[in-house]
Amino acid sequence: MTEHIKHHISSKHCSHCGGEGEGMKCPKCGKSSGHYDPFHWKECMGGGKFRVKCKACGQSEDHCSCI
């Protein structure tokens, strides 16, 4: 149980599949970054915020296609 919670709230794991994360990605505009930018939503045309990028599928955790 504790391991599942760590994966869900960790910036190093995808909250959808629990797999390893690889940086950050915006689910709205698709911009990727190696670190979290708390002000990305101001410059994003869709108003998106960075989410963990799933290493397995390359999508943000909001659009993870694993499982």
Protein backbone atom coordinates (compact mmCIF):
# COMPACT_ATOMS: atom_id res chain seq x y z
CA MET A 1 0.00 0.00 0.00
CA THR A 2 2.73 2.47 0.94
CA GLU A 3 4.61 1.77 -2.30
CA HIS A 4 1.48 2.54 -4.33
CA ILE A 5 1.04 5.89 -2.56
CA LYS A 6 4.69 6.82 -3.17
CA HIS A 7 4.32 6.12 -6.89
CA HIS A 8 1.08 8.09 -7.08
CA ILE A 9 2.47 11.28 -5.55
CA SER A 10 6.08 11.04 -6.74
CA SER A 11 7.42 13.22 -9.54
CA LYS A 12 9.55 10.24 -10.59
CA HIS A 13 6.64 7.90 -11.35
CA CYS A 14 3.61 8.09 -13.62
CA SER A 15 0.45 8.20 -11.51
CA HIS A 16 -1.53 6.34 -14.20
CA CYS A 17 0.60 3.22 -14.67
CA GLY A 18 3.09 3.52 -11.79
CA GLY A 19 6.00 3.27 -14.23
CA GLU A 20 9.15 5.32 -14.23
CA GLY A 21 8.86 9.00 -15.12
CA GLU A 22 11.17 10.94 -17.43
CA GLY A 23 10.89 14.69 -16.91
CA MET A 24 7.71 16.69 -17.34
CA LYS A 25 5.24 17.22 -20.18
CA CYS A 26 2.23 19.50 -20.64
CA PRO A 27 -0.92 17.55 -21.58
CA LYS A 28 -2.40 20.59 -23.36
CA CYS A 29 0.42 21.85 -25.64
CA GLY A 30 2.85 18.89 -25.54
CA LYS A 31 5.89 20.89 -24.41
CA SER A 32 8.46 18.76 -22.57
CA SER A 33 10.98 19.80 -19.95
CA GLY A 34 13.52 18.17 -17.68
CA HIS A 35 12.13 20.03 -14.68
CA TYR A 36 8.81 21.32 -13.36
CA ASP A 37 7.92 24.90 -14.34
CA PRO A 38 5.20 26.21 -11.99
CA PHE A 39 4.46 29.14 -14.33
CA HIS A 40 4.05 27.16 -17.57
CA TRP A 41 0.26 27.60 -17.42
CA LYS A 42 0.76 31.35 -18.02
CA GLU A 43 2.53 30.84 -21.35
CA CYS A 44 0.60 27.73 -22.48
CA MET A 45 -2.13 28.48 -25.03
CA GLY A 46 -4.32 25.79 -23.43
CA GLY A 47 -3.57 26.82 -19.84
CA GLY A 48 -2.02 23.44 -19.07
CA LYS A 49 0.29 22.57 -16.19
CA PHE A 50 3.27 20.22 -16.39
CA ARG A 51 2.68 16.59 -15.44
CA VAL A 52 5.10 13.67 -15.15
CA LYS A 53 6.12 12.29 -18.55
CA CYS A 54 5.79 8.49 -18.64
CA LYS A 55 9.06 6.94 -19.80
CA ALA A 56 7.34 3.91 -21.35
CA CYS A 57 4.88 5.68 -23.68
CA GLY A 58 6.29 9.24 -23.77
CA GLN A 59 2.96 10.85 -22.87
CA SER A 60 2.07 13.03 -19.89
CA GLU A 61 0.50 11.04 -17.05
CA ASP A 62 -2.90 12.52 -18.02
CA HIS A 63 -2.66 10.83 -21.45
CA CYS A 64 -0.63 7.74 -20.49
CA SER A 65 -1.48 4.86 -22.83
CA CYS A 66 0.07 2.11 -20.69
CA ILE A 67 -2.18 -0.57 -19.14
